[in-house]
Amino acid sequence: MYAGIYPQAIDELQPFQDHTRMRQKVLLLGTAMNAVSGVSTHLNQLFGSELSGRFKLFHFQVGSEGRKENNLQKLVRFAFSPVAFLALLLRHRPAIVHLNTSLEPKSYWRDIAYLLIARLLERKVVYQVHGGALPEEFFADNKLLTGLLRWVLKQSDIVVLLAQMELKAYRCFLPGQRLEVIANAIDAAVTELPADRQAGALHLVYLGRIVANKGIFETVEALALLAGQGRELHLTVAGSGPDEERLQARVHELGLDKQVSFRGSVFGADKNRLWHAGHIFAFPTYHREGLPYALLEAMAAGAVPITTKTGAIPDVMQDGVHGLFVDAQDAAGLAGAIARLDDDRRTLADMAEAGQKRVLEHYTVERLANDFARVYESLGAKG
């Protein structure tokens, strides 16, 4: 049953067993490696980086993302997953358990079991929070559950966060706990920015999950306002999600069928071409963001972000330098920001160049690997 339900935990270990006997093991918990999610992107980056040459990394899959299960299979997985995790720890004895989770109810309650099992076996624990609520707000006014959350977080050896604003909140919530910010990263190469940003129709891009709290409806409302002014603009929406059909209907209601195109999910070279064709990344999100990979990808390609001050976004970009900040759920304010850059293409080009430089200097996979190597070594693991 163990190998059948969790073949990745075994299969991913095999390549390391013959020629890397001296490297210490680190077990990373998270979604399926082939899932479309921020955590799976993060895991793939770590496995593909030089970190895997310094430590013996292997993976234990948690959660439903990337799986095709019926209700019975979900129930079996829920019941046996902690047992399989315990068996894996006993068999391979990793020095560190690196738990990738978020302060969302489903993830938090699910991952408590893995944390406690790792502590029971006296493993060092890296508890990485990929966004979600701030700790003091997570259980609102429930003092008992808030106290439980504080106790759970203190069971880890280090809590890794994505944003400086999270660090400030966690320091107040967990005085004395070791905390560190390690920002997300992307595998980006230096590319020449398009030279035609001074003229022509302004091309906006949205790439991500199509859900209302990402601000995509405000984006099409802003586009309608600008089209009414006679501006020539186009919006490409790439991705899928629960609000896709409703968004398509709203685009039709606003008479924007010629100005808005839907591409579905895009990957690899198609995604890169989409970013490079875009002047602006329209992302007025009011979701509880961590550090969106789409933001880093857009900036690396020269698509200037117009977004909100949520999560780690203010850590990455400075208003007026790398992009523009707008208020959430404010279509008129978003329209004004788009019009500003449409009218000032020189500033748009300068922001594109500054944004690309920012990402390539501070948000690379090499930096990410070095940050986690330092954390693992500080916990006693030898690279």
Protein backbone atom coordinates (compact mmCIF):
# COMPACT_ATOMS: atom_id res chain seq x y z
CA MET A 1 0.00 0.00 0.00
CA TYR A 2 2.77 2.44 0.88
CA ALA A 3 4.62 2.35 -2.42
CA GLY A 4 1.36 2.23 -4.37
CA ILE A 5 -0.08 5.35 -2.80
CA TYR A 6 3.17 7.32 -2.57
CA PRO A 7 5.50 6.14 -5.33
CA GLN A 8 7.16 9.56 -5.57
CA ALA A 9 8.56 9.29 -2.07
CA ILE A 10 10.45 6.15 -3.11
CA ASP A 11 11.10 6.82 -6.79
CA GLU A 12 12.61 10.25 -6.22
CA LEU A 13 14.97 8.83 -3.61
CA GLN A 14 16.41 6.10 -5.84
CA PRO A 15 18.71 8.28 -8.02
CA PHE A 16 20.55 9.48 -4.93
CA GLN A 17 21.20 6.17 -3.20
CA ASP A 18 24.22 4.91 -5.08
CA HIS A 19 26.44 7.95 -5.43
CA THR A 20 25.41 10.44 -2.72
CA ARG A 21 25.71 8.40 0.46
CA MET A 22 27.43 11.17 2.40
CA ARG A 23 24.91 13.92 1.81
CA GLN A 24 22.30 14.36 4.50
CA LYS A 25 18.66 13.86 3.63
CA VAL A 26 15.97 16.51 3.55
CA LEU A 27 12.35 15.45 3.11
CA LEU A 28 10.15 18.09 1.48
CA LEU A 29 6.40 17.88 1.94
CA GLY A 30 4.04 19.54 -0.50
CA THR A 31 1.69 19.12 -3.42
CA ALA A 32 2.32 16.82 -6.36
CA MET A 33 5.34 17.89 -8.38
CA ASN A 34 3.19 18.01 -11.53
CA ALA A 35 0.40 20.09 -9.97
CA VAL A 36 -0.24 23.62 -11.20
CA SER A 37 0.39 25.56 -8.00
CA GLY A 38 2.88 27.86 -6.34
CA VAL A 39 4.06 25.14 -3.96
CA SER A 40 4.73 22.67 -6.78
CA THR A 41 6.69 25.37 -8.64
CA HIS A 42 8.71 25.98 -5.50
CA LEU A 43 9.44 22.28 -5.03
CA ASN A 44 10.48 21.79 -8.63
CA GLN A 45 12.84 24.73 -8.36
CA LEU A 46 14.52 23.30 -5.27
CA PHE A 47 14.87 19.84 -6.81
CA GLY A 48 16.24 21.34 -10.01
CA SER A 49 18.70 23.66 -8.29
CA GLU A 50 22.19 23.17 -6.90
CA LEU A 51 20.53 22.45 -3.54
CA SER A 52 19.92 18.90 -4.75
CA GLY A 53 23.66 18.54 -5.29
CA ARG A 54 24.44 19.55 -1.71
CA PHE A 55 21.66 17.62 0.08
CA LYS A 56 19.78 14.44 -0.63
CA LEU A 57 16.31 15.79 -1.35
CA PHE A 58 13.21 13.69 -1.60
CA HIS A 59 9.50 14.39 -1.71
CA PHE A 60 6.38 13.30 0.13
CA GLN A 61 3.13 14.32 -1.52
CA VAL A 62 0.34 15.79 0.60
CA GLY A 63 -3.04 17.20 -0.39
CA SER A 64 -5.30 16.61 -3.36
CA GLU A 65 -3.66 18.84 -5.99
CA GLY A 66 -2.26 16.81 -8.85
CA ARG A 67 -4.31 13.71 -7.99
CA LYS A 68 -7.32 12.17 -9.69
CA GLU A 69 -9.30 10.57 -6.88
CA ASN A 70 -12.83 9.56 -6.12
CA ASN A 71 -14.30 10.14 -2.67
CA LEU A 72 -13.28 6.71 -1.39
CA GLN A 73 -9.69 7.20 -2.52
CA LYS A 74 -9.61 10.59 -0.80
CA LEU A 75 -10.82 9.00 2.42
CA VAL A 76 -8.19 6.25 2.22
CA ARG A 77 -5.46 8.79 1.58
CA PHE A 78 -6.60 10.96 4.47
CA ALA A 79 -6.54 8.00 6.83
CA PHE A 80 -3.25 6.43 5.73
CA SER A 81 -1.15 9.44 4.73
CA PRO A 82 0.25 10.09 8.26
CA VAL A 83 1.03 6.37 8.59
CA ALA A 84 2.88 6.38 5.28
CA PHE A 85 4.75 9.51 6.35
CA LEU A 86 5.79 7.84 9.62
CA ALA A 87 7.00 4.78 7.73
CA LEU A 88 9.05 6.95 5.39
CA LEU A 89 10.71 8.76 8.28
CA LEU A 90 11.58 5.51 10.02
CA ARG A 91 12.99 3.98 6.86
CA HIS A 92 15.08 6.85 5.50
CA ARG A 93 15.71 8.98 8.61
CA PRO A 94 16.02 12.44 7.04
CA ALA A 95 17.85 15.05 9.07
CA ILE A 96 15.26 17.71 8.23
CA VAL A 97 11.56 17.74 7.38
CA HIS A 98 10.69 20.77 5.25
CA LEU A 99 6.94 21.30 5.45
CA ASN A 100 5.40 23.53 2.77
CA THR A 101 2.00 24.75 3.89
CA SER A 102 -0.15 27.89 4.19
CA LEU A 103 -2.36 29.53 6.77
CA GLU A 104 -5.52 28.34 5.06
CA PRO A 105 -7.84 26.11 7.10
CA LYS A 106 -7.53 23.01 4.92
CA SER A 107 -3.73 23.11 4.75
CA TYR A 108 -3.23 24.04 8.39
CA TRP A 109 -5.36 21.25 9.88
CA ARG A 110 -4.04 18.64 7.43
CA ASP A 111 -0.38 19.42 8.09
CA ILE A 112 -0.51 19.39 11.89
CA ALA A 113 -0.24 15.59 11.84
CA TYR A 114 2.97 15.64 9.77
CA LEU A 115 4.53 18.27 12.00
CA LEU A 116 3.81 16.34 15.18
CA ILE A 117 5.08 13.06 13.75
CA ALA A 118 8.32 14.75 12.68
CA ARG A 119 8.76 16.20 16.18
CA LEU A 120 7.95 12.83 17.78
CA LEU A 121 10.88 11.34 15.86
CA GLU A 122 13.05 14.33 16.80
CA ARG A 123 13.52 15.56 13.24
CA LYS A 124 14.44 19.18 12.62
CA VAL A 125 11.45 20.98 11.08
CA VAL A 126 11.36 23.84 8.58
CA TYR A 127 7.78 25.17 8.53
CA GLN A 128 7.38 27.26 5.37
CA VAL A 129 4.23 29.35 5.06
CA HIS A 130 3.17 30.06 1.47
CA GLY A 131 0.71 32.86 2.11
CA GLY A 132 -2.72 32.80 3.70
CA ALA A 133 -3.97 34.71 6.72
CA LEU A 134 -1.76 36.43 9.24
CA PRO A 135 -1.54 34.40 12.47
CA GLU A 136 -3.40 36.80 14.78
CA GLU A 137 -6.29 36.93 12.29
CA PHE A 138 -6.45 33.24 11.39
CA PHE A 139 -8.91 32.20 14.08
CA ALA A 140 -10.28 35.72 14.61
CA ASP A 141 -11.49 36.03 18.21
CA ASN A 142 -11.19 32.36 19.18
CA LYS A 143 -8.52 32.49 21.90
CA LEU A 144 -8.38 28.71 22.33
CA LEU A 145 -7.67 27.98 18.66
CA THR A 146 -5.30 30.95 18.43
CA GLY A 147 -3.37 29.49 21.36
CA LEU A 148 -3.26 26.14 19.57
CA LEU A 149 -1.89 27.83 16.44
CA ARG A 150 0.84 29.50 18.49
CA TRP A 151 1.77 26.15 20.05
CA VAL A 152 1.81 24.41 16.64
CA LEU A 153 4.11 27.01 15.11
CA LYS A 154 6.48 26.78 18.05
CA GLN A 155 6.99 23.07 17.37
CA SER A 156 9.08 23.96 14.33
CA ASP A 157 12.75 24.88 14.46
CA ILE A 158 12.27 27.73 12.01
CA VAL A 159 9.26 29.36 10.34
CA VAL A 160 10.04 30.55 6.81
CA LEU A 161 7.90 33.35 5.37
CA LEU A 162 7.60 35.09 2.02
CA ALA A 163 7.06 38.73 2.99
CA GLN A 164 8.41 41.38 5.33
CA MET A 165 4.89 42.30 6.43
CA GLU A 166 4.42 38.66 7.45
CA LEU A 167 7.68 38.75 9.39
CA LYS A 168 6.47 41.74 11.39
CA ALA A 169 3.17 40.00 12.22
CA TYR A 170 4.81 36.70 13.18
CA ARG A 171 7.34 38.45 15.43
CA CYS A 172 4.46 39.89 17.44
CA PHE A 173 2.65 36.54 17.48
CA LEU A 174 5.69 34.33 18.21
CA PRO A 175 8.24 36.25 20.30
CA GLY A 176 11.47 34.29 20.55
CA GLN A 177 10.68 31.97 17.62
CA ARG A 178 13.26 31.75 14.85
CA LEU A 179 11.73 33.40 11.77
CA GLU A 180 13.16 34.18 8.35
CA VAL A 181 11.96 35.61 5.08
CA ILE A 182 12.99 33.69 1.97
CA ALA A 183 11.32 35.12 -1.09
CA ASN A 184 10.16 33.08 -4.06
CA ALA A 185 12.34 32.98 -7.16
CA ILE A 186 12.14 32.18 -10.85
CA ASP A 187 14.48 30.62 -13.37
CA ALA A 188 14.92 33.66 -15.60
CA ALA A 189 17.58 34.56 -18.10
CA VAL A 190 18.50 38.02 -19.34
CA THR A 191 16.42 38.76 -22.43
CA GLU A 192 16.29 41.84 -24.61
CA LEU A 193 13.16 43.88 -23.96
CA PRO A 194 10.90 44.67 -26.92
CA ALA A 195 11.82 47.91 -28.64
CA ASP A 196 8.28 48.82 -29.73
CA ARG A 197 6.90 50.05 -26.40
CA GLN A 198 6.78 53.69 -27.52
CA ALA A 199 3.77 53.37 -29.82
CA GLY A 200 0.86 51.21 -30.87
CA ALA A 201 -2.01 49.63 -29.00
CA LEU A 202 -1.36 48.94 -25.33
CA HIS A 203 -1.35 45.22 -24.60
CA LEU A 204 -2.43 44.07 -21.13
CA VAL A 205 -1.87 40.54 -19.83
CA TYR A 206 -3.48 38.59 -17.02
CA LEU A 207 -1.98 35.17 -16.32
CA GLY A 208 -3.20 33.06 -13.43
CA ARG A 209 -6.22 31.48 -11.85
CA ILE A 210 -9.46 33.03 -13.07
CA VAL A 211 -11.16 33.86 -9.81
CA ALA A 212 -12.81 37.11 -8.76
CA ASN A 213 -10.48 37.99 -5.88
CA LYS A 214 -7.53 38.26 -8.26
CA GLY A 215 -9.10 41.49 -9.54
CA ILE A 216 -9.78 40.23 -13.05
CA PHE A 217 -13.35 41.59 -13.12
CA GLU A 218 -12.08 45.03 -12.13
CA THR A 219 -9.60 44.75 -14.98
CA VAL A 220 -12.28 44.26 -17.62
CA GLU A 221 -14.38 47.04 -16.07
CA ALA A 222 -11.35 49.34 -16.33
CA LEU A 223 -10.84 48.25 -19.93
CA ALA A 224 -14.46 49.18 -20.70
CA LEU A 225 -13.92 52.65 -19.22
CA LEU A 226 -10.78 53.15 -21.32
CA ALA A 227 -12.39 51.82 -24.50
CA GLY A 228 -15.16 54.35 -23.94
CA GLN A 229 -12.49 57.06 -24.07
CA GLY A 230 -11.43 55.84 -27.50
CA ARG A 231 -8.21 54.22 -26.32
CA GLU A 232 -6.82 51.30 -28.29
CA LEU A 233 -6.08 48.46 -25.86
CA HIS A 234 -6.13 44.68 -25.77
CA LEU A 235 -6.27 42.27 -22.84
CA THR A 236 -5.14 38.65 -23.02
CA VAL A 237 -6.43 36.40 -20.24
CA ALA A 238 -4.46 33.19 -19.78
CA GLY A 239 -5.44 30.56 -17.24
CA SER A 240 -8.54 28.83 -15.99
CA GLY A 241 -10.66 28.82 -12.89
CA PRO A 242 -14.15 28.76 -11.39
CA ASP A 243 -15.11 32.25 -12.59
CA GLU A 244 -14.01 31.83 -16.20
CA GLU A 245 -17.49 31.50 -17.71
CA ARG A 246 -18.83 34.42 -15.66
CA LEU A 247 -15.89 36.55 -16.78
CA GLN A 248 -16.50 35.67 -20.43
CA ALA A 249 -20.14 36.63 -20.02
CA ARG A 250 -19.19 39.97 -18.47
CA VAL A 251 -16.76 40.70 -21.31
CA HIS A 252 -19.59 40.08 -23.77
CA GLU A 253 -22.00 42.29 -21.78
CA LEU A 254 -19.48 45.13 -21.88
CA GLY A 255 -19.01 44.75 -25.63
CA LEU A 256 -15.33 43.89 -25.28
CA ASP A 257 -15.21 40.70 -27.35
CA LYS A 258 -12.72 42.27 -29.77
CA GLN A 259 -10.57 43.75 -27.00
CA VAL A 260 -10.31 40.65 -24.78
CA SER A 261 -9.00 37.23 -25.78
CA PHE A 262 -8.98 34.07 -23.67
CA ARG A 263 -6.02 31.75 -24.16
CA GLY A 264 -6.62 29.04 -21.57
CA SER A 265 -3.66 27.72 -19.62
CA VAL A 266 -0.25 28.38 -21.16
CA PHE A 267 3.13 26.90 -20.30
CA GLY A 268 6.76 26.99 -21.34
CA ALA A 269 7.59 28.88 -24.52
CA ASP A 270 3.95 29.92 -25.06
CA LYS A 271 3.88 31.58 -21.65
CA ASN A 272 7.19 33.34 -22.28
CA ARG A 273 5.92 34.70 -25.61
CA LEU A 274 2.77 35.97 -23.92
CA TRP A 275 4.74 37.84 -21.26
CA HIS A 276 7.12 39.38 -23.79
CA ALA A 277 4.19 40.55 -25.92
CA GLY A 278 2.58 42.34 -22.98
CA HIS A 279 3.17 45.95 -21.99
CA ILE A 280 1.32 45.71 -18.66
CA PHE A 281 0.57 42.92 -16.20
CA ALA A 282 -2.87 43.86 -14.83
CA PHE A 283 -3.10 42.28 -11.39
CA PRO A 284 -5.29 44.30 -8.95
CA THR A 285 -5.58 41.35 -6.59
CA TYR A 286 -7.34 41.32 -3.24
CA HIS A 287 -6.54 37.67 -2.55
CA ARG A 288 -4.28 36.86 0.43
CA GLU A 289 -1.17 36.62 -1.71
CA GLY A 290 2.24 35.35 -0.68
CA LEU A 291 4.65 36.25 -3.48
CA PRO A 292 3.01 35.52 -6.85
CA TYR A 293 5.25 33.84 -9.38
CA ALA A 294 3.32 35.65 -12.11
CA LEU A 295 4.57 38.97 -10.75
CA LEU A 296 8.22 37.87 -10.97
CA GLU A 297 7.74 36.33 -14.42
CA ALA A 298 6.05 39.46 -15.74
CA MET A 299 8.77 41.78 -14.45
CA ALA A 300 11.53 39.53 -15.79
CA ALA A 301 9.94 39.73 -19.25
CA GLY A 302 9.36 43.48 -19.11
CA ALA A 303 5.59 43.48 -18.54
CA VAL A 304 5.05 46.33 -16.08
CA PRO A 305 2.80 45.36 -13.14
CA ILE A 306 -0.18 47.38 -12.01
CA THR A 307 -1.14 45.70 -8.76
CA THR A 308 -2.00 46.12 -5.07
CA LYS A 309 0.00 46.29 -1.85
CA THR A 310 -0.69 42.78 -0.64
CA GLY A 311 1.58 40.02 0.63
CA ALA A 312 5.18 40.32 -0.51
CA ILE A 313 4.40 42.41 -3.58
CA PRO A 314 5.64 45.66 -1.92
CA ASP A 315 8.92 43.87 -1.13
CA VAL A 316 9.50 43.29 -4.85
CA MET A 317 8.35 46.47 -6.54
CA GLN A 318 8.49 50.16 -5.73
CA ASP A 319 5.60 52.34 -6.82
CA GLY A 320 6.57 54.52 -9.77
CA VAL A 321 9.86 52.67 -10.30
CA HIS A 322 8.99 49.09 -11.25
CA GLY A 323 5.23 49.50 -11.68
CA LEU A 324 2.19 51.15 -10.14
CA PHE A 325 0.10 50.36 -7.07
CA VAL A 326 -3.67 50.81 -7.07
CA ASP A 327 -6.38 50.24 -4.49
CA ALA A 328 -8.19 46.91 -4.56
CA GLN A 329 -11.68 46.73 -6.09
CA ASP A 330 -11.29 50.14 -7.73
CA ALA A 331 -11.86 49.83 -11.47
CA ALA A 332 -11.71 53.60 -12.01
CA GLY A 333 -8.36 53.84 -10.20
CA LEU A 334 -7.02 50.96 -12.26
CA ALA A 335 -8.20 52.63 -15.46
CA GLY A 336 -6.39 55.81 -14.42
CA ALA A 337 -3.14 53.92 -13.84
CA ILE A 338 -3.36 52.19 -17.22
CA ALA A 339 -4.10 55.51 -18.94
CA ARG A 340 -1.09 57.10 -17.22
CA LEU A 341 1.28 54.53 -18.72
CA ASP A 342 -0.49 54.58 -22.08
CA ASP A 343 0.15 58.32 -22.26
CA ASP A 344 3.76 58.10 -21.05
CA ARG A 345 5.44 55.30 -22.98
CA ARG A 346 8.93 56.50 -21.97
CA THR A 347 8.09 55.88 -18.31
CA LEU A 348 6.54 52.55 -19.27
CA ALA A 349 9.81 51.50 -20.93
CA ASP A 350 11.88 52.71 -17.98
CA MET A 351 9.72 50.71 -15.56
CA ALA A 352 10.06 47.61 -17.73
CA GLU A 353 13.84 47.88 -17.66
CA ALA A 354 13.98 48.57 -13.90
CA GLY A 355 11.62 45.69 -13.14
CA GLN A 356 13.64 43.20 -15.14
CA LYS A 357 16.84 44.30 -13.41
CA ARG A 358 15.21 43.98 -9.99
CA VAL A 359 14.12 40.38 -10.55
CA LEU A 360 17.34 39.21 -12.16
CA GLU A 361 19.39 40.63 -9.29
CA HIS A 362 17.31 39.45 -6.33
CA TYR A 363 14.84 36.70 -7.26
CA THR A 364 16.86 33.95 -8.93
CA VAL A 365 16.77 30.23 -8.21
CA GLU A 366 20.48 30.39 -7.36
CA ARG A 367 19.70 32.80 -4.52
CA LEU A 368 16.81 30.59 -3.39
CA ALA A 369 19.04 27.50 -3.24
CA ASN A 370 21.73 29.34 -1.29
CA ASP A 371 19.16 30.62 1.21
CA PHE A 372 17.82 27.15 1.95
CA ALA A 373 21.29 25.59 2.05
CA ARG A 374 22.16 28.11 4.75
CA VAL A 375 18.98 27.28 6.70
CA TYR A 376 19.55 23.51 6.45
CA GLU A 377 23.16 23.85 7.55
CA SER A 378 22.16 26.03 10.49
CA LEU A 379 19.93 23.18 11.65
CA GLY A 380 22.84 20.75 11.63
CA ALA A 381 22.48 19.20 8.18
CA LYS A 382 25.73 18.87 6.26
CA GLY A 383 25.76 19.77 2.60
